[in-house]
């Protein structure tokens, strides 16, 4: 496949390529993380350019150490990065969960891209990481992102308060189990270059228990 020259290609869908981010994605990433309208829905305010670089560095580290993180979502027809979607470990009450997060540029909201990418990441978690369940943490005021979680086969199983930048925010925990997904619910998703190493397989078996990968949590759900 020669659609993307930079970054390891992981997943291909009908309209999207999902690949690892690289440093040259920084400007596209800033169009997401530094946009007040995009970030207000999840984090209450936009990131600074320094915070955006720190975010990118964190996910590059996760790729190297764990094989997954938030990935770049590239629109095939234009070969441009339009958002992020991927898998991270997030803290929820007294445990940690494997979360599908998504953040998209405002110009690409309400076109079904977030749902298409989220479903693809769900299938990656189930088929490559062998996870038994996946989750999405969505702010209670973000209706569009809640709808993406529902279209991804998820249901609300809990609600909790998280604090970010000294602001308390209410979040829903959505979840779906691999056993509950019917074949008809799966999009035409092609895993191009699955990442596997010995310890990742061991971690996959522990996703329902206590797991601390790097001690830093972040989540994303603006569409």
N, C-alpha and C. Protein backbone atom coordinates (compact mmCIF):
# COMPACT_ATOMS: atom_id res chain seq x y z
N UNK A 1 0.84 -1.19 0.00
CA UNK A 1 0.00 0.00 0.00
C UNK A 1 0.88 1.24 0.00
N UNK A 2 0.61 2.19 -0.90
CA UNK A 2 1.43 3.38 -1.01
C UNK A 2 0.61 4.65 -0.87
N UNK A 3 -0.33 4.60 0.04
CA UNK A 3 -1.18 5.78 0.25
C UNK A 3 -0.50 6.76 1.19
N UNK A 4 0.18 6.26 2.20
CA UNK A 4 0.84 7.10 3.19
C UNK A 4 2.34 6.80 3.17
N UNK A 5 3.14 7.84 3.12
CA UNK A 5 4.58 7.65 3.11
C UNK A 5 5.17 7.71 4.50
N UNK A 6 4.55 8.46 5.41
CA UNK A 6 5.08 8.62 6.76
C UNK A 6 4.19 7.92 7.77
N UNK A 7 4.82 7.28 8.74
CA UNK A 7 4.05 6.63 9.79
C UNK A 7 3.65 5.22 9.40
N UNK A 8 3.60 4.33 10.35
CA UNK A 8 3.21 2.95 10.10
C UNK A 8 1.70 2.86 9.89
N UNK A 9 1.30 2.35 8.74
CA UNK A 9 -0.12 2.16 8.46
C UNK A 9 -0.62 0.96 9.24
N UNK A 10 -1.73 1.14 9.94
CA UNK A 10 -2.28 0.08 10.77
C UNK A 10 -3.61 -0.45 10.26
N UNK A 11 -4.51 0.45 9.87
CA UNK A 11 -5.87 0.07 9.52
C UNK A 11 -6.32 0.85 8.29
N UNK A 12 -7.06 0.18 7.43
CA UNK A 12 -7.67 0.83 6.27
C UNK A 12 -9.17 0.55 6.28
N UNK A 13 -9.98 1.60 6.09
CA UNK A 13 -11.43 1.46 5.94
C UNK A 13 -11.81 1.99 4.57
N UNK A 14 -13.10 2.08 4.31
CA UNK A 14 -13.55 2.54 3.00
C UNK A 14 -13.02 3.93 2.65
N UNK A 15 -13.02 4.84 3.63
CA UNK A 15 -12.63 6.22 3.34
C UNK A 15 -11.37 6.67 4.06
N UNK A 16 -10.86 5.86 4.98
CA UNK A 16 -9.82 6.33 5.89
C UNK A 16 -8.61 5.41 5.94
N UNK A 17 -7.49 6.01 6.25
CA UNK A 17 -6.28 5.29 6.64
C UNK A 17 -5.98 5.69 8.08
N UNK A 18 -5.71 4.72 8.92
CA UNK A 18 -5.35 4.98 10.31
C UNK A 18 -3.92 4.51 10.50
N UNK A 19 -3.06 5.45 10.88
CA UNK A 19 -1.63 5.18 10.98
C UNK A 19 -1.04 5.87 12.20
N UNK A 20 0.17 5.51 12.54
CA UNK A 20 0.87 6.18 13.62
C UNK A 20 1.15 7.63 13.24
N UNK A 21 1.04 8.52 14.21
CA UNK A 21 1.44 9.91 13.98
C UNK A 21 2.95 10.02 13.91
N UNK A 22 3.43 11.04 13.20
CA UNK A 22 4.85 11.37 13.14
C UNK A 22 4.98 12.87 13.42
N UNK A 23 6.22 13.33 13.60
CA UNK A 23 6.43 14.73 13.97
C UNK A 23 5.85 15.68 12.92
N UNK A 24 5.89 15.29 11.66
CA UNK A 24 5.39 16.17 10.60
C UNK A 24 3.87 16.35 10.66
N UNK A 25 3.19 15.61 11.53
CA UNK A 25 1.75 15.78 11.73
C UNK A 25 1.45 16.90 12.74
N UNK A 26 2.47 17.55 13.27
CA UNK A 26 2.28 18.52 14.34
C UNK A 26 1.30 19.64 13.96
N UNK A 27 1.44 20.20 12.77
CA UNK A 27 0.55 21.30 12.38
C UNK A 27 -0.90 20.83 12.27
N UNK A 28 -1.11 19.66 11.70
CA UNK A 28 -2.47 19.11 11.61
C UNK A 28 -3.02 18.83 13.00
N UNK A 29 -2.15 18.36 13.90
CA UNK A 29 -2.57 18.08 15.26
C UNK A 29 -2.98 19.38 15.98
N UNK A 30 -2.24 20.45 15.73
CA UNK A 30 -2.58 21.74 16.34
C UNK A 30 -3.94 22.24 15.86
N UNK A 31 -4.32 21.90 14.64
CA UNK A 31 -5.63 22.32 14.14
C UNK A 31 -6.77 21.63 14.90
N UNK A 32 -6.42 20.58 15.62
CA UNK A 32 -7.39 19.90 16.49
C UNK A 32 -7.25 20.40 17.92
N UNK A 33 -6.07 20.22 18.50
CA UNK A 33 -5.88 20.46 19.92
C UNK A 33 -5.86 21.94 20.31
N UNK A 34 -5.54 22.80 19.37
CA UNK A 34 -5.46 24.23 19.66
C UNK A 34 -6.71 24.98 19.20
N UNK A 35 -7.74 24.27 18.81
CA UNK A 35 -9.00 24.86 18.37
C UNK A 35 -9.97 24.90 19.56
N UNK A 36 -10.40 26.12 19.92
CA UNK A 36 -11.28 26.28 21.08
C UNK A 36 -12.59 25.51 20.91
N UNK A 37 -13.18 25.55 19.72
CA UNK A 37 -14.46 24.88 19.50
C UNK A 37 -14.33 23.37 19.65
N UNK A 38 -13.23 22.81 19.15
CA UNK A 38 -13.02 21.37 19.24
C UNK A 38 -12.79 20.94 20.69
N UNK A 39 -11.92 21.67 21.37
CA UNK A 39 -11.48 21.22 22.69
C UNK A 39 -12.45 21.59 23.80
N UNK A 40 -13.29 22.58 23.59
CA UNK A 40 -14.26 22.94 24.62
C UNK A 40 -15.18 21.78 24.95
N UNK A 41 -15.50 20.99 23.95
CA UNK A 41 -16.43 19.88 24.15
C UNK A 41 -15.89 18.82 25.10
N UNK A 42 -14.56 18.71 25.17
CA UNK A 42 -13.96 17.65 25.98
C UNK A 42 -13.12 18.18 27.13
N UNK A 43 -12.28 19.16 26.85
CA UNK A 43 -11.31 19.63 27.83
C UNK A 43 -11.61 21.04 28.34
N UNK A 44 -12.70 21.64 27.92
CA UNK A 44 -13.15 22.96 28.37
C UNK A 44 -12.40 24.11 27.71
N UNK A 45 -11.17 23.89 27.27
CA UNK A 45 -10.41 24.94 26.59
C UNK A 45 -9.34 24.31 25.71
N UNK A 46 -8.83 25.10 24.77
CA UNK A 46 -7.84 24.61 23.82
C UNK A 46 -6.48 24.41 24.49
N UNK A 47 -5.65 23.59 23.88
CA UNK A 47 -4.28 23.39 24.32
C UNK A 47 -3.39 24.51 23.77
N UNK A 48 -2.29 24.76 24.44
CA UNK A 48 -1.25 25.61 23.87
C UNK A 48 -0.45 24.79 22.86
N UNK A 49 0.39 25.45 22.07
CA UNK A 49 1.22 24.71 21.11
C UNK A 49 2.20 23.81 21.84
N UNK A 50 2.67 24.22 23.01
CA UNK A 50 3.58 23.40 23.79
C UNK A 50 2.85 22.15 24.30
N UNK A 51 1.61 22.31 24.73
CA UNK A 51 0.84 21.16 25.19
C UNK A 51 0.55 20.20 24.05
N UNK A 52 0.34 20.74 22.85
CA UNK A 52 0.11 19.88 21.68
C UNK A 52 1.35 19.05 21.37
N UNK A 53 2.53 19.66 21.48
CA UNK A 53 3.76 18.91 21.24
C UNK A 53 3.97 17.84 22.31
N UNK A 54 3.64 18.17 23.55
CA UNK A 54 3.74 17.18 24.62
C UNK A 54 2.80 16.01 24.38
N UNK A 55 1.59 16.31 23.91
CA UNK A 55 0.61 15.27 23.56
C UNK A 55 1.17 14.35 22.48
N UNK A 56 1.76 14.95 21.43
CA UNK A 56 2.34 14.16 20.35
C UNK A 56 3.49 13.29 20.88
N UNK A 57 4.35 13.89 21.69
CA UNK A 57 5.48 13.13 22.24
C UNK A 57 5.00 11.93 23.05
N UNK A 58 3.93 12.12 23.82
CA UNK A 58 3.41 11.04 24.66
C UNK A 58 2.94 9.87 23.81
N UNK A 59 2.28 10.17 22.69
CA UNK A 59 1.77 9.08 21.87
C UNK A 59 2.89 8.41 21.06
N UNK A 60 3.88 9.16 20.65
CA UNK A 60 5.04 8.55 19.99
C UNK A 60 5.72 7.57 20.95
N UNK A 61 5.80 7.96 22.22
CA UNK A 61 6.38 7.07 23.23
C UNK A 61 5.54 5.83 23.41
N UNK A 62 4.23 5.99 23.39
CA UNK A 62 3.34 4.84 23.56
C UNK A 62 3.47 3.87 22.39
N UNK A 63 3.60 4.39 21.18
CA UNK A 63 3.78 3.49 20.03
C UNK A 63 5.01 2.61 20.26
N UNK A 64 6.11 3.25 20.66
CA UNK A 64 7.37 2.53 20.81
C UNK A 64 7.32 1.51 21.95
N UNK A 65 6.64 1.86 23.04
CA UNK A 65 6.67 1.01 24.22
C UNK A 65 5.55 -0.03 24.26
N UNK A 66 4.37 0.35 23.73
CA UNK A 66 3.19 -0.51 23.90
C UNK A 66 2.54 -0.94 22.59
N UNK A 67 2.89 -0.27 21.50
CA UNK A 67 2.34 -0.66 20.21
C UNK A 67 1.04 0.00 19.84
N UNK A 68 0.50 0.87 20.71
CA UNK A 68 -0.74 1.56 20.37
C UNK A 68 -0.80 2.88 21.11
N UNK A 69 -1.75 3.72 20.70
CA UNK A 69 -1.98 5.04 21.27
C UNK A 69 -3.06 5.69 20.42
N UNK A 70 -3.19 6.99 20.49
CA UNK A 70 -4.07 7.67 19.53
C UNK A 70 -3.31 7.79 18.22
N UNK A 71 -3.96 7.40 17.14
CA UNK A 71 -3.34 7.39 15.82
C UNK A 71 -3.87 8.52 14.95
N UNK A 72 -3.17 8.79 13.87
CA UNK A 72 -3.63 9.77 12.88
C UNK A 72 -4.71 9.13 12.02
N UNK A 73 -5.77 9.89 11.75
CA UNK A 73 -6.81 9.46 10.82
C UNK A 73 -6.66 10.29 9.56
N UNK A 74 -6.40 9.62 8.45
CA UNK A 74 -6.10 10.29 7.19
C UNK A 74 -7.23 10.03 6.20
N UNK A 75 -7.73 11.09 5.60
CA UNK A 75 -8.77 10.97 4.58
C UNK A 75 -8.12 10.53 3.27
N UNK A 76 -8.52 9.37 2.78
CA UNK A 76 -7.88 8.80 1.60
C UNK A 76 -7.90 9.75 0.40
N UNK A 77 -9.06 10.32 0.10
CA UNK A 77 -9.22 11.08 -1.13
C UNK A 77 -8.35 12.32 -1.18
N UNK A 78 -7.97 12.86 -0.02
CA UNK A 78 -7.16 14.07 0.02
C UNK A 78 -5.76 13.84 0.60
N UNK A 79 -5.55 12.65 1.18
CA UNK A 79 -4.28 12.32 1.83
C UNK A 79 -3.90 13.36 2.88
N UNK A 80 -4.88 13.77 3.70
CA UNK A 80 -4.63 14.74 4.77
C UNK A 80 -5.12 14.15 6.09
N UNK A 81 -4.41 14.51 7.16
CA UNK A 81 -4.82 14.10 8.50
C UNK A 81 -5.98 14.97 8.95
N UNK A 82 -7.11 14.32 9.25
CA UNK A 82 -8.31 15.06 9.64
C UNK A 82 -8.66 14.88 11.10
N UNK A 83 -8.00 13.95 11.77
CA UNK A 83 -8.33 13.71 13.17
C UNK A 83 -7.43 12.67 13.79
N UNK A 84 -7.80 12.28 14.99
CA UNK A 84 -7.13 11.21 15.71
C UNK A 84 -8.16 10.20 16.19
N UNK A 85 -7.77 8.95 16.21
CA UNK A 85 -8.59 7.92 16.81
C UNK A 85 -7.65 6.78 17.17
N UNK A 86 -7.90 6.14 18.29
CA UNK A 86 -7.02 5.05 18.66
C UNK A 86 -7.35 4.49 20.02
N UNK A 87 -6.39 3.80 20.59
CA UNK A 87 -6.56 3.05 21.83
C UNK A 87 -5.57 3.51 22.87
N UNK A 88 -6.05 3.80 24.07
CA UNK A 88 -5.19 4.16 25.19
C UNK A 88 -5.73 3.51 26.46
N UNK A 89 -4.88 3.42 27.44
CA UNK A 89 -5.30 2.95 28.75
C UNK A 89 -5.68 4.15 29.59
N UNK A 90 -6.91 4.17 30.11
CA UNK A 90 -7.40 5.28 30.90
C UNK A 90 -7.84 4.82 32.29
N UNK A 91 -7.66 5.69 33.25
CA UNK A 91 -8.10 5.38 34.60
C UNK A 91 -9.58 5.62 34.76
N UNK A 92 -10.26 4.70 35.42
CA UNK A 92 -11.68 4.85 35.74
C UNK A 92 -11.92 4.29 37.13
N UNK A 93 -12.21 5.15 38.07
CA UNK A 93 -12.37 4.77 39.48
C UNK A 93 -11.13 4.00 39.95
N UNK A 94 -11.30 2.76 40.36
CA UNK A 94 -10.18 2.00 40.92
C UNK A 94 -9.54 1.06 39.91
N UNK A 95 -9.82 1.23 38.64
CA UNK A 95 -9.23 0.33 37.64
C UNK A 95 -8.83 1.13 36.41
N UNK A 96 -8.30 0.43 35.44
CA UNK A 96 -7.92 1.04 34.17
C UNK A 96 -8.57 0.27 33.03
N UNK A 97 -8.96 0.98 31.99
CA UNK A 97 -9.71 0.38 30.89
C UNK A 97 -9.05 0.73 29.56
N UNK A 98 -9.29 -0.12 28.57
CA UNK A 98 -8.80 0.11 27.21
C UNK A 98 -9.83 0.97 26.49
N UNK A 99 -9.45 2.21 26.22
CA UNK A 99 -10.42 3.17 25.68
C UNK A 99 -10.20 3.48 24.21
N UNK A 100 -11.30 3.62 23.48
CA UNK A 100 -11.29 4.17 22.12
C UNK A 100 -11.56 5.66 22.24
N UNK A 101 -10.57 6.48 21.86
CA UNK A 101 -10.72 7.92 21.89
C UNK A 101 -10.73 8.49 20.48
N UNK A 102 -11.38 9.63 20.30
CA UNK A 102 -11.43 10.24 18.97
C UNK A 102 -11.53 11.76 19.10
N UNK A 103 -10.74 12.45 18.27
CA UNK A 103 -10.72 13.91 18.18
C UNK A 103 -10.55 14.29 16.72
N UNK A 104 -11.45 15.11 16.21
CA UNK A 104 -11.42 15.46 14.78
C UNK A 104 -11.47 16.97 14.57
N UNK A 105 -10.84 17.41 13.49
CA UNK A 105 -10.96 18.81 13.11
C UNK A 105 -12.43 19.16 12.89
N UNK A 106 -12.81 20.35 13.26
CA UNK A 106 -14.20 20.76 13.19
C UNK A 106 -14.76 20.68 11.77
N UNK A 107 -13.92 20.95 10.77
CA UNK A 107 -14.37 20.93 9.38
C UNK A 107 -14.84 19.54 8.95
N UNK A 108 -14.47 18.50 9.72
CA UNK A 108 -14.80 17.12 9.34
C UNK A 108 -15.79 16.49 10.31
N UNK A 109 -16.45 17.30 11.14
CA UNK A 109 -17.49 16.79 12.03
C UNK A 109 -18.74 16.42 11.23
N UNK A 110 -19.54 15.51 11.78
CA UNK A 110 -20.87 15.18 11.28
C UNK A 110 -20.84 14.60 9.86
N UNK A 111 -19.76 13.89 9.54
CA UNK A 111 -19.65 13.24 8.24
C UNK A 111 -19.47 11.73 8.38
N UNK A 112 -19.54 11.24 9.61
CA UNK A 112 -19.41 9.81 9.84
C UNK A 112 -17.98 9.31 9.97
N UNK A 113 -17.00 10.21 9.89
CA UNK A 113 -15.60 9.76 9.96
C UNK A 113 -15.24 9.22 11.34
N UNK A 114 -15.72 9.88 12.38
CA UNK A 114 -15.39 9.42 13.74
C UNK A 114 -15.95 8.03 14.00
N UNK A 115 -17.18 7.79 13.56
CA UNK A 115 -17.78 6.47 13.74
C UNK A 115 -17.01 5.42 12.96
N UNK A 116 -16.66 5.73 11.72
CA UNK A 116 -15.93 4.79 10.89
C UNK A 116 -14.58 4.44 11.51
N UNK A 117 -13.89 5.44 12.04
CA UNK A 117 -12.59 5.21 12.66
C UNK A 117 -12.74 4.46 13.98
N UNK A 118 -13.75 4.83 14.77
CA UNK A 118 -13.94 4.18 16.07
C UNK A 118 -14.27 2.71 15.92
N UNK A 119 -15.11 2.36 14.96
CA UNK A 119 -15.44 0.96 14.72
C UNK A 119 -14.19 0.19 14.29
N UNK A 120 -13.37 0.82 13.45
CA UNK A 120 -12.14 0.17 13.01
C UNK A 120 -11.21 -0.09 14.19
N UNK A 121 -11.11 0.87 15.09
CA UNK A 121 -10.25 0.69 16.27
C UNK A 121 -10.82 -0.37 17.22
N UNK A 122 -12.14 -0.43 17.29
CA UNK A 122 -12.76 -1.50 18.09
C UNK A 122 -12.35 -2.87 17.53
N UNK A 123 -12.42 -3.02 16.22
CA UNK A 123 -12.06 -4.29 15.61
C UNK A 123 -10.58 -4.60 15.78
N UNK A 124 -9.74 -3.56 15.75
CA UNK A 124 -8.31 -3.76 15.99
C UNK A 124 -8.09 -4.27 17.42
N UNK A 125 -8.79 -3.67 18.37
CA UNK A 125 -8.65 -4.10 19.77
C UNK A 125 -9.06 -5.56 19.94
N UNK A 126 -10.15 -5.93 19.29
CA UNK A 126 -10.64 -7.30 19.43
C UNK A 126 -9.79 -8.32 18.66
N UNK A 127 -9.40 -7.99 17.45
CA UNK A 127 -8.74 -8.97 16.59
C UNK A 127 -7.23 -9.00 16.75
N UNK A 128 -6.61 -7.87 17.06
CA UNK A 128 -5.15 -7.81 17.18
C UNK A 128 -4.70 -7.87 18.64
N UNK A 129 -5.34 -7.07 19.51
CA UNK A 129 -4.95 -7.07 20.92
C UNK A 129 -5.66 -8.16 21.72
N UNK A 130 -6.65 -8.79 21.09
CA UNK A 130 -7.39 -9.86 21.76
C UNK A 130 -8.10 -9.37 23.03
N UNK A 131 -8.52 -8.11 23.01
CA UNK A 131 -9.24 -7.55 24.15
C UNK A 131 -10.66 -8.12 24.19
N UNK A 132 -11.17 -8.33 25.38
CA UNK A 132 -12.53 -8.85 25.52
C UNK A 132 -13.58 -7.74 25.55
N UNK A 133 -13.15 -6.52 25.86
CA UNK A 133 -14.07 -5.38 25.89
C UNK A 133 -13.29 -4.10 25.66
N UNK A 134 -13.96 -3.07 25.15
CA UNK A 134 -13.37 -1.75 24.98
C UNK A 134 -14.35 -0.71 25.50
N UNK A 135 -13.85 0.49 25.75
CA UNK A 135 -14.63 1.53 26.40
C UNK A 135 -14.42 2.87 25.69
N UNK A 136 -15.33 3.79 25.93
CA UNK A 136 -15.13 5.19 25.57
C UNK A 136 -15.61 6.06 26.73
N UNK A 137 -14.79 7.03 27.09
CA UNK A 137 -15.10 7.97 28.17
C UNK A 137 -15.56 9.27 27.51
N UNK A 138 -16.83 9.62 27.71
CA UNK A 138 -17.43 10.74 26.97
C UNK A 138 -18.06 11.72 27.95
N UNK A 139 -17.77 12.99 27.76
CA UNK A 139 -18.34 14.02 28.62
C UNK A 139 -19.86 14.04 28.47
N UNK A 140 -20.54 14.28 29.59
CA UNK A 140 -22.00 14.16 29.58
C UNK A 140 -22.68 15.23 28.73
N UNK A 141 -21.97 16.30 28.37
CA UNK A 141 -22.54 17.36 27.54
C UNK A 141 -22.23 17.18 26.05
N UNK A 142 -21.41 16.20 25.71
CA UNK A 142 -20.97 16.03 24.32
C UNK A 142 -21.86 15.00 23.62
N UNK A 143 -22.99 15.47 23.14
CA UNK A 143 -23.99 14.57 22.54
C UNK A 143 -23.47 13.90 21.27
N UNK A 144 -22.75 14.64 20.44
CA UNK A 144 -22.25 14.07 19.18
C UNK A 144 -21.32 12.89 19.45
N UNK A 145 -20.43 13.04 20.43
CA UNK A 145 -19.50 11.96 20.75
C UNK A 145 -20.21 10.79 21.43
N UNK A 146 -21.26 11.08 22.18
CA UNK A 146 -22.06 10.00 22.75
C UNK A 146 -22.71 9.19 21.63
N UNK A 147 -23.15 9.86 20.59
CA UNK A 147 -23.77 9.16 19.46
C UNK A 147 -22.76 8.26 18.74
N UNK A 148 -21.51 8.70 18.66
CA UNK A 148 -20.48 7.86 18.06
C UNK A 148 -20.31 6.58 18.88
N UNK A 149 -20.26 6.72 20.20
CA UNK A 149 -20.12 5.55 21.06
C UNK A 149 -21.28 4.57 20.86
N UNK A 150 -22.48 5.12 20.76
CA UNK A 150 -23.66 4.26 20.54
C UNK A 150 -23.56 3.55 19.20
N UNK A 151 -23.17 4.27 18.16
CA UNK A 151 -23.03 3.65 16.83
C UNK A 151 -21.90 2.63 16.81
N UNK A 152 -21.01 2.72 17.78
CA UNK A 152 -19.93 1.74 17.91
C UNK A 152 -20.36 0.54 18.74
N UNK A 153 -21.65 0.45 19.02
CA UNK A 153 -22.19 -0.70 19.74
C UNK A 153 -22.12 -0.60 21.24
N UNK A 154 -21.78 0.57 21.76
CA UNK A 154 -21.56 0.73 23.20
C UNK A 154 -22.81 1.18 23.94
N UNK A 155 -22.78 0.89 25.24
CA UNK A 155 -23.83 1.33 26.14
C UNK A 155 -23.20 1.96 27.38
N UNK A 156 -23.92 2.88 28.02
CA UNK A 156 -23.44 3.50 29.25
C UNK A 156 -23.48 2.49 30.39
N UNK A 157 -22.34 2.36 31.09
CA UNK A 157 -22.31 1.45 32.23
C UNK A 157 -21.95 2.15 33.53
N UNK A 158 -21.53 3.44 33.44
CA UNK A 158 -21.16 4.14 34.67
C UNK A 158 -21.05 5.64 34.38
N UNK A 159 -20.97 6.42 35.45
CA UNK A 159 -20.78 7.87 35.34
C UNK A 159 -19.87 8.30 36.48
N UNK A 160 -18.96 9.25 36.20
CA UNK A 160 -18.04 9.70 37.24
C UNK A 160 -17.59 11.12 36.92
N UNK A 161 -16.93 11.73 37.90
CA UNK A 161 -16.40 13.08 37.76
C UNK A 161 -14.89 13.03 37.57
N UNK A 162 -14.39 13.76 36.57
CA UNK A 162 -12.95 13.89 36.35
C UNK A 162 -12.58 15.37 36.44
N UNK A 163 -11.38 15.64 36.91
CA UNK A 163 -10.91 17.01 37.06
C UNK A 163 -9.79 17.29 36.07
N UNK A 164 -9.96 18.34 35.29
CA UNK A 164 -8.93 18.75 34.33
C UNK A 164 -8.79 20.25 34.40
N UNK A 165 -7.55 20.71 34.62
CA UNK A 165 -7.28 22.13 34.76
C UNK A 165 -8.16 22.77 35.84
N UNK A 166 -8.30 22.04 36.94
CA UNK A 166 -9.06 22.50 38.11
C UNK A 166 -10.56 22.66 37.85
N UNK A 167 -11.06 22.02 36.81
CA UNK A 167 -12.49 22.05 36.50
C UNK A 167 -13.04 20.63 36.63
N UNK A 168 -14.08 20.46 37.45
CA UNK A 168 -14.75 19.17 37.56
C UNK A 168 -15.71 18.97 36.39
N UNK A 169 -15.63 17.82 35.74
CA UNK A 169 -16.47 17.51 34.59
C UNK A 169 -17.08 16.13 34.78
N UNK A 170 -18.32 15.98 34.34
CA UNK A 170 -19.01 14.70 34.42
C UNK A 170 -18.80 13.91 33.13
N UNK A 171 -18.49 12.63 33.28
CA UNK A 171 -18.25 11.77 32.13
C UNK A 171 -19.04 10.47 32.26
N UNK A 172 -19.51 9.98 31.11
CA UNK A 172 -20.11 8.66 31.02
C UNK A 172 -19.03 7.66 30.61
N UNK A 173 -19.13 6.44 31.13
CA UNK A 173 -18.30 5.35 30.66
C UNK A 173 -19.15 4.44 29.79
N UNK A 174 -18.80 4.38 28.51
CA UNK A 174 -19.46 3.49 27.55
C UNK A 174 -18.62 2.24 27.38
N UNK A 175 -19.27 1.12 27.08
CA UNK A 175 -18.53 -0.13 26.91
C UNK A 175 -19.23 -1.05 25.91
N UNK A 176 -18.42 -1.87 25.26
CA UNK A 176 -18.96 -2.94 24.42
C UNK A 176 -18.05 -4.16 24.57
N UNK A 177 -18.65 -5.33 24.63
CA UNK A 177 -17.88 -6.58 24.72
C UNK A 177 -17.77 -7.23 23.35
N UNK A 178 -16.65 -7.89 23.13
CA UNK A 178 -16.42 -8.55 21.85
C UNK A 178 -17.52 -9.56 21.55
N UNK A 179 -17.97 -10.28 22.56
CA UNK A 179 -18.96 -11.33 22.36
C UNK A 179 -20.31 -10.77 21.90
N UNK A 180 -20.54 -9.47 22.13
CA UNK A 180 -21.85 -8.89 21.78
C UNK A 180 -21.92 -8.36 20.36
N UNK A 181 -20.80 -8.35 19.64
CA UNK A 181 -20.76 -7.78 18.29
C UNK A 181 -21.09 -8.84 17.26
N UNK A 182 -22.15 -8.59 16.52
CA UNK A 182 -22.54 -9.51 15.44
C UNK A 182 -21.70 -9.25 14.21
N UNK A 183 -21.56 -10.27 13.38
CA UNK A 183 -20.78 -10.14 12.15
C UNK A 183 -21.32 -9.01 11.28
N UNK A 184 -22.63 -8.83 11.25
CA UNK A 184 -23.24 -7.79 10.41
C UNK A 184 -22.90 -6.39 10.89
N UNK A 185 -22.42 -6.24 12.14
CA UNK A 185 -22.09 -4.94 12.68
C UNK A 185 -20.67 -4.50 12.36
N UNK A 186 -19.89 -5.35 11.72
CA UNK A 186 -18.49 -5.06 11.45
C UNK A 186 -18.34 -4.44 10.06
N UNK A 187 -17.67 -3.28 10.01
CA UNK A 187 -17.40 -2.65 8.72
C UNK A 187 -16.33 -3.45 7.97
N UNK A 188 -16.14 -3.09 6.70
CA UNK A 188 -15.08 -3.68 5.90
C UNK A 188 -13.76 -3.04 6.34
N UNK A 189 -13.12 -3.64 7.33
CA UNK A 189 -11.91 -3.09 7.93
C UNK A 189 -10.74 -4.00 7.59
N UNK A 190 -9.66 -3.41 7.11
CA UNK A 190 -8.46 -4.17 6.78
C UNK A 190 -7.33 -3.74 7.70
N UNK A 191 -6.82 -4.68 8.48
CA UNK A 191 -5.65 -4.41 9.31
C UNK A 191 -4.43 -4.63 8.45
N UNK A 192 -3.67 -3.54 8.22
CA UNK A 192 -2.58 -3.60 7.25
C UNK A 192 -1.29 -4.10 7.87
N UNK A 193 -0.92 -3.52 9.00
CA UNK A 193 0.33 -3.92 9.65
C UNK A 193 0.09 -4.09 11.15
N UNK A 194 -0.50 -5.18 11.59
CA UNK A 194 -0.74 -5.36 13.02
C UNK A 194 0.56 -5.40 13.79
N UNK A 195 0.56 -4.72 14.94
CA UNK A 195 1.73 -4.67 15.81
C UNK A 195 1.59 -5.76 16.86
N UNK A 196 2.59 -6.59 16.99
CA UNK A 196 2.56 -7.64 18.00
C UNK A 196 3.94 -7.79 18.63
N UNK A 197 3.96 -7.93 19.92
CA UNK A 197 5.16 -8.40 20.59
C UNK A 197 4.74 -9.16 21.84
N UNK A 198 5.66 -9.88 22.43
CA UNK A 198 5.29 -10.84 23.47
C UNK A 198 4.55 -10.20 24.63
N UNK A 199 5.05 -9.09 25.14
CA UNK A 199 4.43 -8.51 26.33
C UNK A 199 3.08 -7.91 26.02
N UNK A 200 2.84 -7.49 24.77
CA UNK A 200 1.54 -6.92 24.42
C UNK A 200 0.45 -7.98 24.54
N UNK A 201 0.77 -9.20 24.14
CA UNK A 201 -0.21 -10.28 24.26
C UNK A 201 -0.55 -10.53 25.74
N UNK A 202 0.46 -10.42 26.61
CA UNK A 202 0.23 -10.60 28.03
C UNK A 202 -0.63 -9.47 28.58
N UNK A 203 -0.37 -8.24 28.14
CA UNK A 203 -1.18 -7.10 28.60
C UNK A 203 -2.62 -7.24 28.15
N UNK A 204 -2.82 -7.73 26.93
CA UNK A 204 -4.17 -7.84 26.40
C UNK A 204 -5.05 -8.70 27.30
N UNK A 205 -4.45 -9.70 27.91
CA UNK A 205 -5.21 -10.60 28.78
C UNK A 205 -5.55 -9.95 30.12
N UNK A 206 -4.96 -8.78 30.39
CA UNK A 206 -5.16 -8.14 31.69
C UNK A 206 -5.99 -6.87 31.59
N UNK A 207 -6.60 -6.60 30.44
CA UNK A 207 -7.28 -5.33 30.26
C UNK A 207 -8.47 -5.15 31.19
N UNK A 208 -8.99 -6.22 31.76
CA UNK A 208 -10.10 -6.08 32.70
C UNK A 208 -9.61 -5.88 34.14
N UNK A 209 -8.31 -5.89 34.34
CA UNK A 209 -7.77 -5.73 35.67
C UNK A 209 -6.99 -4.43 35.80
N UNK A 210 -6.18 -4.34 36.82
CA UNK A 210 -5.39 -3.15 37.09
C UNK A 210 -4.18 -3.13 36.17
N UNK A 211 -4.04 -2.05 35.41
CA UNK A 211 -2.95 -1.96 34.45
C UNK A 211 -2.51 -0.52 34.35
N UNK A 212 -1.24 -0.24 34.60
CA UNK A 212 -0.71 1.11 34.53
C UNK A 212 0.45 1.11 33.56
N UNK A 213 0.24 1.69 32.38
CA UNK A 213 1.28 1.66 31.36
C UNK A 213 2.29 2.78 31.54
N UNK A 214 1.83 4.02 31.61
CA UNK A 214 2.78 5.11 31.74
C UNK A 214 2.37 6.14 32.79
N UNK A 215 1.27 5.90 33.47
CA UNK A 215 0.87 6.80 34.54
C UNK A 215 0.24 8.09 34.08
N UNK A 216 0.10 8.31 32.76
CA UNK A 216 -0.47 9.54 32.24
C UNK A 216 -1.76 9.21 31.49
N UNK A 217 -2.84 9.89 31.86
CA UNK A 217 -4.12 9.61 31.26
C UNK A 217 -4.55 10.78 30.37
N UNK A 218 -5.19 10.47 29.28
CA UNK A 218 -5.83 11.47 28.45
C UNK A 218 -6.94 10.76 27.71
N UNK A 219 -7.92 11.50 27.29
CA UNK A 219 -9.01 10.91 26.55
C UNK A 219 -9.44 11.89 25.48
N UNK A 220 -10.14 11.42 24.49
CA UNK A 220 -10.55 12.31 23.43
C UNK A 220 -11.87 11.89 22.85
N UNK A 221 -12.78 12.89 22.62
CA UNK A 221 -14.07 12.52 22.08
C UNK A 221 -14.81 13.73 21.50
N UNK A 222 -14.11 14.50 20.63
CA UNK A 222 -14.77 15.60 19.94
C UNK A 222 -14.97 15.24 18.47
N UNK A 223 -16.23 15.34 18.02
CA UNK A 223 -16.53 15.00 16.62
C UNK A 223 -17.46 16.05 16.05
